[in-house]
Amino acid sequence: MANTASARKRIRQNERRNARNTARVSRMRTFIKKVEAAIATGNKEQAADALRAAQPEMQRASGKGVIHANTVARKISRLSARIKAIAAA
């Protein structure tokens, strides 16, 4: 266990940051699930609206360093492609 005051403080900071980051990732995943559910229904407008709501949340997670920027770009790109494919089908 931590013996110095600075080590104890570091543990407290890490716990707070971990809780905050976990919440951010969870929130982002929830938004992504809403987009995927809308895609599954086949409603293009609803899916596009869900993606527009999810995009800022995903970008915010990448800006805070919780998830890599390229990961967010890849996920947005793939979701966009799936929404675009709804109209073609």
N, C-alpha and C. Protein backbone atom coordinates (compact mmCIF):
# COMPACT_ATOMS: atom_id res chain seq x y z
N MET A 1 0.85 -1.19 0.00
CA MET A 1 0.00 0.00 0.00
C MET A 1 0.89 1.24 0.00
N ALA A 2 0.29 2.37 -0.39
CA ALA A 2 1.04 3.62 -0.49
C ALA A 2 1.46 4.10 0.89
N ASN A 3 2.71 4.49 0.97
CA ASN A 3 3.24 4.95 2.26
C ASN A 3 3.35 6.46 2.34
N THR A 4 3.59 7.13 1.23
CA THR A 4 3.78 8.58 1.28
C THR A 4 2.46 9.28 0.97
N ALA A 5 2.41 10.54 1.40
CA ALA A 5 1.21 11.34 1.17
C ALA A 5 0.97 11.53 -0.31
N SER A 6 2.04 11.72 -1.07
CA SER A 6 1.88 11.94 -2.52
C SER A 6 1.37 10.69 -3.21
N ALA A 7 1.80 9.52 -2.73
CA ALA A 7 1.32 8.27 -3.33
C ALA A 7 -0.15 8.05 -3.01
N ARG A 8 -0.57 8.40 -1.77
CA ARG A 8 -1.98 8.28 -1.41
C ARG A 8 -2.84 9.23 -2.25
N LYS A 9 -2.32 10.44 -2.46
CA LYS A 9 -3.04 11.40 -3.29
C LYS A 9 -3.15 10.88 -4.73
N ARG A 10 -2.08 10.32 -5.23
CA ARG A 10 -2.08 9.79 -6.60
C ARG A 10 -3.15 8.69 -6.74
N ILE A 11 -3.29 7.85 -5.73
CA ILE A 11 -4.32 6.80 -5.75
C ILE A 11 -5.71 7.41 -5.81
N ARG A 12 -5.94 8.45 -5.01
CA ARG A 12 -7.24 9.13 -5.02
C ARG A 12 -7.53 9.75 -6.38
N GLN A 13 -6.52 10.39 -6.96
CA GLN A 13 -6.70 11.01 -8.28
C GLN A 13 -7.01 9.96 -9.34
N ASN A 14 -6.28 8.85 -9.29
CA ASN A 14 -6.49 7.79 -10.28
C ASN A 14 -7.89 7.21 -10.17
N GLU A 15 -8.40 7.04 -8.96
CA GLU A 15 -9.74 6.51 -8.77
C GLU A 15 -10.79 7.45 -9.37
N ARG A 16 -10.62 8.76 -9.13
CA ARG A 16 -11.56 9.74 -9.68
C ARG A 16 -11.51 9.75 -11.19
N ARG A 17 -10.32 9.76 -11.75
CA ARG A 17 -10.17 9.79 -13.21
C ARG A 17 -10.71 8.51 -13.84
N ASN A 18 -10.47 7.39 -13.18
CA ASN A 18 -10.96 6.12 -13.71
C ASN A 18 -12.48 6.11 -13.76
N ALA A 19 -13.12 6.61 -12.70
CA ALA A 19 -14.58 6.66 -12.67
C ALA A 19 -15.11 7.58 -13.77
N ARG A 20 -14.46 8.72 -13.96
CA ARG A 20 -14.88 9.69 -14.98
C ARG A 20 -14.72 9.10 -16.38
N ASN A 21 -13.58 8.47 -16.63
CA ASN A 21 -13.31 7.91 -17.95
C ASN A 21 -14.23 6.73 -18.25
N THR A 22 -14.50 5.91 -17.24
CA THR A 22 -15.41 4.78 -17.42
C THR A 22 -16.80 5.28 -17.80
N ALA A 23 -17.24 6.36 -17.14
CA ALA A 23 -18.55 6.94 -17.45
C ALA A 23 -18.58 7.47 -18.87
N ARG A 24 -17.49 8.11 -19.30
CA ARG A 24 -17.43 8.65 -20.67
C ARG A 24 -17.52 7.54 -21.70
N VAL A 25 -16.76 6.46 -21.50
CA VAL A 25 -16.77 5.35 -22.45
C VAL A 25 -18.15 4.70 -22.47
N SER A 26 -18.76 4.53 -21.30
CA SER A 26 -20.07 3.91 -21.21
C SER A 26 -21.11 4.76 -21.93
N ARG A 27 -21.05 6.07 -21.75
CA ARG A 27 -21.99 6.98 -22.40
C ARG A 27 -21.82 6.91 -23.92
N MET A 28 -20.59 6.86 -24.38
CA MET A 28 -20.32 6.78 -25.81
C MET A 28 -20.88 5.48 -26.39
N ARG A 29 -20.67 4.39 -25.69
CA ARG A 29 -21.17 3.09 -26.15
C ARG A 29 -22.69 3.07 -26.23
N THR A 30 -23.34 3.72 -25.27
CA THR A 30 -24.80 3.79 -25.27
C THR A 30 -25.30 4.51 -26.52
N PHE A 31 -24.64 5.62 -26.87
CA PHE A 31 -25.02 6.36 -28.07
C PHE A 31 -24.82 5.50 -29.31
N ILE A 32 -23.72 4.75 -29.36
CA ILE A 32 -23.44 3.89 -30.51
C ILE A 32 -24.50 2.80 -30.62
N LYS A 33 -24.92 2.25 -29.49
CA LYS A 33 -25.95 1.21 -29.49
C LYS A 33 -27.27 1.75 -30.03
N LYS A 34 -27.57 3.03 -29.71
CA LYS A 34 -28.79 3.64 -30.22
C LYS A 34 -28.73 3.76 -31.74
N VAL A 35 -27.55 4.10 -32.27
CA VAL A 35 -27.38 4.19 -33.72
C VAL A 35 -27.57 2.82 -34.34
N GLU A 36 -26.94 1.80 -33.76
CA GLU A 36 -27.03 0.45 -34.31
C GLU A 36 -28.47 -0.08 -34.24
N ALA A 37 -29.19 0.26 -33.19
CA ALA A 37 -30.59 -0.15 -33.08
C ALA A 37 -31.43 0.51 -34.16
N ALA A 38 -31.16 1.78 -34.43
CA ALA A 38 -31.90 2.49 -35.48
C ALA A 38 -31.57 1.90 -36.86
N ILE A 39 -30.32 1.52 -37.07
CA ILE A 39 -29.93 0.89 -38.34
C ILE A 39 -30.67 -0.44 -38.49
N ALA A 40 -30.78 -1.17 -37.40
CA ALA A 40 -31.45 -2.48 -37.44
C ALA A 40 -32.93 -2.36 -37.83
N THR A 41 -33.57 -1.25 -37.43
CA THR A 41 -34.97 -1.06 -37.79
C THR A 41 -35.12 -0.73 -39.26
N GLY A 42 -34.06 -0.20 -39.88
CA GLY A 42 -34.10 0.14 -41.30
C GLY A 42 -34.61 1.54 -41.57
N ASN A 43 -34.79 2.34 -40.54
CA ASN A 43 -35.26 3.72 -40.70
C ASN A 43 -34.05 4.63 -40.86
N LYS A 44 -33.82 5.11 -42.09
CA LYS A 44 -32.62 5.89 -42.38
C LYS A 44 -32.61 7.22 -41.63
N GLU A 45 -33.75 7.92 -41.58
CA GLU A 45 -33.80 9.23 -40.92
C GLU A 45 -33.50 9.09 -39.43
N GLN A 46 -34.10 8.10 -38.81
CA GLN A 46 -33.88 7.88 -37.38
C GLN A 46 -32.42 7.51 -37.11
N ALA A 47 -31.85 6.69 -37.97
CA ALA A 47 -30.46 6.28 -37.81
C ALA A 47 -29.53 7.47 -37.99
N ALA A 48 -29.83 8.32 -38.97
CA ALA A 48 -28.99 9.51 -39.21
C ALA A 48 -29.07 10.47 -38.02
N ASP A 49 -30.27 10.63 -37.45
CA ASP A 49 -30.42 11.49 -36.27
C ASP A 49 -29.63 10.93 -35.09
N ALA A 50 -29.69 9.62 -34.92
CA ALA A 50 -28.97 8.99 -33.81
C ALA A 50 -27.46 9.17 -34.00
N LEU A 51 -26.99 9.08 -35.24
CA LEU A 51 -25.55 9.27 -35.50
C LEU A 51 -25.14 10.70 -35.23
N ARG A 52 -26.01 11.65 -35.62
CA ARG A 52 -25.70 13.06 -35.35
C ARG A 52 -25.62 13.34 -33.85
N ALA A 53 -26.41 12.62 -33.07
CA ALA A 53 -26.36 12.78 -31.61
C ALA A 53 -25.13 12.09 -31.03
N ALA A 54 -24.73 10.97 -31.64
CA ALA A 54 -23.61 10.19 -31.11
C ALA A 54 -22.26 10.80 -31.45
N GLN A 55 -22.18 11.45 -32.60
CA GLN A 55 -20.90 11.94 -33.09
C GLN A 55 -20.20 12.90 -32.11
N PRO A 56 -20.87 13.92 -31.57
CA PRO A 56 -20.19 14.81 -30.63
C PRO A 56 -19.72 14.07 -29.37
N GLU A 57 -20.51 13.11 -28.94
CA GLU A 57 -20.14 12.34 -27.74
C GLU A 57 -18.87 11.54 -28.00
N MET A 58 -18.77 10.95 -29.18
CA MET A 58 -17.59 10.18 -29.54
C MET A 58 -16.37 11.09 -29.69
N GLN A 59 -16.57 12.24 -30.31
CA GLN A 59 -15.46 13.20 -30.48
C GLN A 59 -14.99 13.71 -29.12
N ARG A 60 -15.92 13.92 -28.22
CA ARG A 60 -15.56 14.40 -26.88
C ARG A 60 -14.71 13.36 -26.15
N ALA A 61 -15.07 12.09 -26.30
CA ALA A 61 -14.30 11.03 -25.66
C ALA A 61 -12.87 11.00 -26.21
N SER A 62 -12.73 11.22 -27.51
CA SER A 62 -11.40 11.21 -28.11
C SER A 62 -10.63 12.45 -27.67
N GLY A 63 -11.32 13.59 -27.55
CA GLY A 63 -10.67 14.82 -27.12
C GLY A 63 -10.16 14.73 -25.69
N LYS A 64 -10.86 13.98 -24.86
CA LYS A 64 -10.45 13.82 -23.47
C LYS A 64 -9.38 12.73 -23.31
N GLY A 65 -9.06 12.05 -24.42
CA GLY A 65 -8.02 11.03 -24.36
C GLY A 65 -8.49 9.69 -23.85
N VAL A 66 -9.81 9.49 -23.79
CA VAL A 66 -10.34 8.23 -23.29
C VAL A 66 -10.24 7.15 -24.36
N ILE A 67 -10.39 7.57 -25.63
CA ILE A 67 -10.33 6.64 -26.75
C ILE A 67 -9.53 7.32 -27.85
N HIS A 68 -8.84 6.54 -28.65
CA HIS A 68 -7.96 7.09 -29.68
C HIS A 68 -8.78 7.78 -30.77
N ALA A 69 -8.25 8.86 -31.31
CA ALA A 69 -8.97 9.64 -32.33
C ALA A 69 -9.26 8.81 -33.57
N ASN A 70 -8.32 7.97 -33.98
CA ASN A 70 -8.53 7.15 -35.17
C ASN A 70 -9.63 6.11 -34.95
N THR A 71 -9.77 5.63 -33.73
CA THR A 71 -10.82 4.68 -33.41
C THR A 71 -12.18 5.33 -33.60
N VAL A 72 -12.30 6.57 -33.14
CA VAL A 72 -13.56 7.30 -33.29
C VAL A 72 -13.85 7.53 -34.77
N ALA A 73 -12.83 7.95 -35.51
CA ALA A 73 -13.02 8.19 -36.95
C ALA A 73 -13.47 6.92 -37.66
N ARG A 74 -12.87 5.80 -37.30
CA ARG A 74 -13.22 4.52 -37.92
C ARG A 74 -14.67 4.14 -37.60
N LYS A 75 -15.06 4.29 -36.33
CA LYS A 75 -16.42 3.93 -35.93
C LYS A 75 -17.46 4.81 -36.63
N ILE A 76 -17.19 6.12 -36.70
CA ILE A 76 -18.13 7.03 -37.36
C ILE A 76 -18.23 6.68 -38.84
N SER A 77 -17.09 6.40 -39.45
CA SER A 77 -17.08 6.05 -40.87
C SER A 77 -17.89 4.79 -41.14
N ARG A 78 -17.72 3.79 -40.33
CA ARG A 78 -18.43 2.52 -40.53
C ARG A 78 -19.92 2.67 -40.29
N LEU A 79 -20.28 3.44 -39.25
CA LEU A 79 -21.70 3.66 -38.99
C LEU A 79 -22.34 4.45 -40.14
N SER A 80 -21.62 5.46 -40.64
CA SER A 80 -22.12 6.25 -41.76
C SER A 80 -22.34 5.39 -42.99
N ALA A 81 -21.39 4.48 -43.25
CA ALA A 81 -21.51 3.60 -44.40
C ALA A 81 -22.72 2.68 -44.26
N ARG A 82 -22.97 2.19 -43.05
CA ARG A 82 -24.12 1.32 -42.83
C ARG A 82 -25.43 2.09 -43.01
N ILE A 83 -25.46 3.35 -42.59
CA ILE A 83 -26.66 4.16 -42.76
C ILE A 83 -26.88 4.45 -44.24
N LYS A 84 -25.80 4.73 -44.94
CA LYS A 84 -25.90 5.01 -46.37
C LYS A 84 -26.40 3.78 -47.13
N ALA A 85 -26.03 2.59 -46.65
CA ALA A 85 -26.44 1.36 -47.30
C ALA A 85 -27.93 1.07 -47.14
N ILE A 86 -28.55 1.68 -46.14
CA ILE A 86 -29.99 1.47 -45.91
C ILE A 86 -30.78 1.96 -47.14
N ALA A 87 -30.40 3.11 -47.67
CA ALA A 87 -31.12 3.69 -48.81
C ALA A 87 -30.95 2.84 -50.05
N ALA A 88 -29.76 2.28 -50.22
CA ALA A 88 -29.48 1.47 -51.40
C ALA A 88 -30.26 0.14 -51.38
N ALA A 89 -30.50 -0.35 -50.17
CA ALA A 89 -31.17 -1.66 -50.05
C ALA A 89 -32.65 -1.59 -50.32
